[in-house]
């Protein structure tokens, strides 16, 4: 019996947002749940995130945005992955996202949205149920 490989998740902070504590907490929770996690650090462009996701052969990208630029930056990552033939990499995100924006983000290809107050357990559970190794 072959063992299923661990999920590989890229956690990224796109844009000029300098608040990374939440992203680090999520990254650690994913790692503690048995996933391989790559954290890109602050001030990443969508192009940098797409490049890292492909180079690291991840199964999903988690975006943390507190700056209000979620309607631009999140879809830009989805578009970039599609342009590079990597549309099978799932994209999820969290941060300060108004409820009215969630359906629009999902229409633009964001697979999961987590707003403030979402427990790390819920994020881990969502990934385990929705993301599979590519």
C-alpha atoms as a PDB file:
ATOM      1  CA  UNK A   1       0.000   0.000   0.000  1.00  0.00           C
ATOM      2  CA  UNK A   2       1.468   3.349  -0.995  1.00  0.00           C
ATOM      3  CA  UNK A   3       1.222   6.234   1.389  1.00  0.00           C
ATOM      4  CA  UNK A   4      -0.601   9.309   0.100  1.00  0.00           C
ATOM      5  CA  UNK A   5       1.781  12.244  -0.143  1.00  0.00           C
ATOM      6  CA  UNK A   6       1.309  15.170   2.205  1.00  0.00           C
ATOM      7  CA  UNK A   7      -0.616  18.150   0.930  1.00  0.00           C
ATOM      8  CA  UNK A   8       1.658  21.039  -0.077  1.00  0.00           C
ATOM      9  CA  UNK A   9       0.215  24.467   0.665  1.00  0.00           C
ATOM     10  CA  UNK A  10       1.717  27.842  -0.216  1.00  0.00           C
ATOM     11  CA  UNK A  11       0.709  30.619   2.195  1.00  0.00           C
ATOM     12  CA  UNK A  12       1.234  34.088   0.755  1.00  0.00           C
ATOM     13  CA  UNK A  13       0.750  37.759   1.643  1.00  0.00           C
ATOM     14  CA  UNK A  14       0.041  39.632  -1.591  1.00  0.00           C
ATOM     15  CA  UNK A  15       0.275  43.375  -1.907  1.00  0.00           C
ATOM     16  CA  UNK A  16       1.467  46.015   0.495  1.00  0.00           C
ATOM     17  CA  UNK A  17      -0.264  44.556   3.550  1.00  0.00           C
ATOM     18  CA  UNK A  18       2.233  44.223   6.402  1.00  0.00           C
ATOM     19  CA  UNK A  19       0.037  42.270   8.830  1.00  0.00           C
ATOM     20  CA  UNK A  20       1.296  38.699   8.749  1.00  0.00           C
ATOM     21  CA  UNK A  21       0.499  37.272  12.177  1.00  0.00           C
ATOM     22  CA  UNK A  22      -2.694  35.585  10.937  1.00  0.00           C
ATOM     23  CA  UNK A  23      -0.908  34.071   7.940  1.00  0.00           C
ATOM     24  CA  UNK A  24       1.793  32.683  10.229  1.00  0.00           C
ATOM     25  CA  UNK A  25      -0.799  31.237  12.623  1.00  0.00           C
ATOM     26  CA  UNK A  26      -2.599  29.530   9.727  1.00  0.00           C
ATOM     27  CA  UNK A  27       0.699  28.263   8.267  1.00  0.00           C
ATOM     28  CA  UNK A  28       1.682  26.740  11.609  1.00  0.00           C
ATOM     29  CA  UNK A  29      -1.766  25.149  12.049  1.00  0.00           C
ATOM     30  CA  UNK A  30      -1.548  23.561   8.599  1.00  0.00           C
ATOM     31  CA  UNK A  31       1.931  22.255   9.364  1.00  0.00           C
ATOM     32  CA  UNK A  32       0.752  20.888  12.713  1.00  0.00           C
ATOM     33  CA  UNK A  33      -2.063  19.103  10.832  1.00  0.00           C
ATOM     34  CA  UNK A  34       0.567  17.239   8.772  1.00  0.00           C
ATOM     35  CA  UNK A  35       0.754  19.411   5.659  1.00  0.00           C
ATOM     36  CA  UNK A  36       3.899  20.735   4.036  1.00  0.00           C
ATOM     37  CA  UNK A  37       3.717  24.525   4.154  1.00  0.00           C
ATOM     38  CA  UNK A  38       5.713  27.107   2.236  1.00  0.00           C
ATOM     39  CA  UNK A  39       5.352  30.690   3.506  1.00  0.00           C
ATOM     40  CA  UNK A  40       6.418  33.347   1.007  1.00  0.00           C
ATOM     41  CA  UNK A  41       6.661  36.286   3.369  1.00  0.00           C
ATOM     42  CA  UNK A  42       5.320  39.808   2.985  1.00  0.00           C
ATOM     43  CA  UNK A  43       4.755  42.028  -0.055  1.00  0.00           C
ATOM     44  CA  UNK A  44       4.385  39.399  -2.772  1.00  0.00           C
ATOM     45  CA  UNK A  45       3.015  40.251  -6.205  1.00  0.00           C
ATOM     46  CA  UNK A  46       0.477  37.897  -7.770  1.00  0.00           C
ATOM     47  CA  UNK A  47       3.167  36.966 -10.329  1.00  0.00           C
ATOM     48  CA  UNK A  48       5.627  36.054  -7.562  1.00  0.00           C
ATOM     49  CA  UNK A  49       2.981  33.931  -5.840  1.00  0.00           C
ATOM     50  CA  UNK A  50       2.096  32.102  -9.074  1.00  0.00           C
ATOM     51  CA  UNK A  51       5.777  31.458  -9.797  1.00  0.00           C
ATOM     52  CA  UNK A  52       6.387  30.122  -6.268  1.00  0.00           C
ATOM     53  CA  UNK A  53       3.281  27.920  -6.403  1.00  0.00           C
ATOM     54  CA  UNK A  54       4.449  26.306  -9.641  1.00  0.00           C
ATOM     55  CA  UNK A  55       8.094  25.965  -8.553  1.00  0.00           C
ATOM     56  CA  UNK A  56       7.071  24.406  -5.235  1.00  0.00           C
ATOM     57  CA  UNK A  57       4.528  22.092  -6.910  1.00  0.00           C
ATOM     58  CA  UNK A  58       1.837  22.967  -4.375  1.00  0.00           C
ATOM     59  CA  UNK A  59      -1.702  21.657  -4.223  1.00  0.00           C
ATOM     60  CA  UNK A  60      -3.214  24.918  -3.033  1.00  0.00           C
ATOM     61  CA  UNK A  61      -2.402  28.561  -2.389  1.00  0.00           C
ATOM     62  CA  UNK A  62      -3.701  30.353   0.696  1.00  0.00           C
ATOM     63  CA  UNK A  63      -3.799  34.143   0.450  1.00  0.00           C
ATOM     64  CA  UNK A  64      -4.016  36.444   3.452  1.00  0.00           C
ATOM     65  CA  UNK A  65      -5.167  39.981   2.687  1.00  0.00           C
ATOM     66  CA  UNK A  66      -5.964  42.616   5.293  1.00  0.00           C
ATOM     67  CA  UNK A  67      -5.488  45.663   3.052  1.00  0.00           C
ATOM     68  CA  UNK A  68      -8.815  45.656   1.220  1.00  0.00           C
ATOM     69  CA  UNK A  69      -7.234  44.728  -2.121  1.00  0.00           C
ATOM     70  CA  UNK A  70      -8.765  41.225  -2.147  1.00  0.00           C
ATOM     71  CA  UNK A  71     -10.992  41.884  -5.196  1.00  0.00           C
ATOM     72  CA  UNK A  72      -7.894  42.652  -7.295  1.00  0.00           C
ATOM     73  CA  UNK A  73      -5.135  40.479  -5.830  1.00  0.00           C
ATOM     74  CA  UNK A  74      -6.984  37.183  -5.282  1.00  0.00           C
ATOM     75  CA  UNK A  75      -8.398  36.968  -8.834  1.00  0.00           C
ATOM     76  CA  UNK A  76      -4.978  37.991 -10.217  1.00  0.00           C
ATOM     77  CA  UNK A  77      -3.434  34.891  -8.632  1.00  0.00           C
ATOM     78  CA  UNK A  78      -6.178  32.645 -10.074  1.00  0.00           C
ATOM     79  CA  UNK A  79      -5.706  34.256 -13.516  1.00  0.00           C
ATOM     80  CA  UNK A  80      -1.927  33.846 -13.332  1.00  0.00           C
ATOM     81  CA  UNK A  81      -2.199  30.161 -12.432  1.00  0.00           C
ATOM     82  CA  UNK A  82      -4.604  29.614 -15.323  1.00  0.00           C
ATOM     83  CA  UNK A  83      -2.283  31.417 -17.767  1.00  0.00           C
ATOM     84  CA  UNK A  84       0.589  29.140 -16.688  1.00  0.00           C
ATOM     85  CA  UNK A  85      -1.508  25.965 -17.089  1.00  0.00           C
ATOM     86  CA  UNK A  86      -1.744  25.420 -13.345  1.00  0.00           C
ATOM     87  CA  UNK A  87      -5.478  25.972 -12.853  1.00  0.00           C
ATOM     88  CA  UNK A  88      -5.598  22.703 -10.884  1.00  0.00           C
ATOM     89  CA  UNK A  89      -3.906  24.506  -7.971  1.00  0.00           C
ATOM     90  CA  UNK A  90      -6.728  25.524  -5.644  1.00  0.00           C
ATOM     91  CA  UNK A  91      -6.810  29.050  -4.229  1.00  0.00           C
ATOM     92  CA  UNK A  92      -8.318  30.005  -0.897  1.00  0.00           C
ATOM     93  CA  UNK A  93      -8.005  33.140   1.142  1.00  0.00           C
ATOM     94  CA  UNK A  94      -8.799  35.022   4.239  1.00  0.00           C
ATOM     95  CA  UNK A  95      -8.634  38.407   5.844  1.00  0.00           C
ATOM     96  CA  UNK A  96     -10.867  41.436   6.049  1.00  0.00           C
ATOM     97  CA  UNK A  97     -13.373  40.472   3.353  1.00  0.00           C
ATOM     98  CA  UNK A  98     -16.909  41.907   3.394  1.00  0.00           C
ATOM     99  CA  UNK A  99     -19.667  39.300   3.138  1.00  0.00           C
ATOM    100  CA  UNK A 100     -20.945  40.951  -0.077  1.00  0.00           C
ATOM    101  CA  UNK A 101     -17.596  40.269  -1.787  1.00  0.00           C
ATOM    102  CA  UNK A 102     -17.514  36.525  -1.032  1.00  0.00           C
ATOM    103  CA  UNK A 103     -19.864  35.392  -3.864  1.00  0.00           C
ATOM    104  CA  UNK A 104     -17.976  37.610  -6.326  1.00  0.00           C
ATOM    105  CA  UNK A 105     -14.629  36.130  -5.287  1.00  0.00           C
ATOM    106  CA  UNK A 106     -16.005  32.610  -5.661  1.00  0.00           C
ATOM    107  CA  UNK A 107     -17.221  33.500  -9.163  1.00  0.00           C
ATOM    108  CA  UNK A 108     -13.668  34.628  -9.930  1.00  0.00           C
ATOM    109  CA  UNK A 109     -12.259  31.235  -8.926  1.00  0.00           C
ATOM    110  CA  UNK A 110     -11.448  31.560  -5.239  1.00  0.00           C
ATOM    111  CA  UNK A 111     -12.323  28.149  -3.825  1.00  0.00           C
ATOM    112  CA  UNK A 112     -12.633  29.040  -0.137  1.00  0.00           C
ATOM    113  CA  UNK A 113     -12.965  32.268   1.844  1.00  0.00           C
ATOM    114  CA  UNK A 114     -12.274  32.620   5.561  1.00  0.00           C
ATOM    115  CA  UNK A 115     -13.212  35.798   7.397  1.00  0.00           C
ATOM    116  CA  UNK A 116     -11.973  37.063  10.785  1.00  0.00           C
ATOM    117  CA  UNK A 117     -12.960  34.781  13.628  1.00  0.00           C
ATOM    118  CA  UNK A 118     -12.748  31.581  11.562  1.00  0.00           C
ATOM    119  CA  UNK A 119     -10.965  28.963  13.649  1.00  0.00           C
ATOM    120  CA  UNK A 120      -7.800  27.377  12.343  1.00  0.00           C
ATOM    121  CA  UNK A 121      -9.525  24.033  12.860  1.00  0.00           C
ATOM    122  CA  UNK A 122     -12.195  25.027  10.315  1.00  0.00           C
ATOM    123  CA  UNK A 123      -9.509  26.044   7.802  1.00  0.00           C
ATOM    124  CA  UNK A 124      -7.615  22.767   8.292  1.00  0.00           C
ATOM    125  CA  UNK A 125     -10.863  20.790   7.984  1.00  0.00           C
ATOM    126  CA  UNK A 126     -11.832  22.644   4.774  1.00  0.00           C
ATOM    127  CA  UNK A 127      -8.443  21.910   3.216  1.00  0.00           C
ATOM    128  CA  UNK A 128      -8.562  18.248   4.215  1.00  0.00           C
ATOM    129  CA  UNK A 129     -12.031  17.915   2.659  1.00  0.00           C
ATOM    130  CA  UNK A 130     -11.448  19.964  -0.506  1.00  0.00           C
ATOM    131  CA  UNK A 131      -7.797  19.780  -1.517  1.00  0.00           C
ATOM    132  CA  UNK A 132      -6.140  16.647  -2.841  1.00  0.00           C
ATOM    133  CA  UNK A 133      -2.563  16.060  -3.949  1.00  0.00           C
ATOM    134  CA  UNK A 134      -2.136  17.094  -7.591  1.00  0.00           C
END
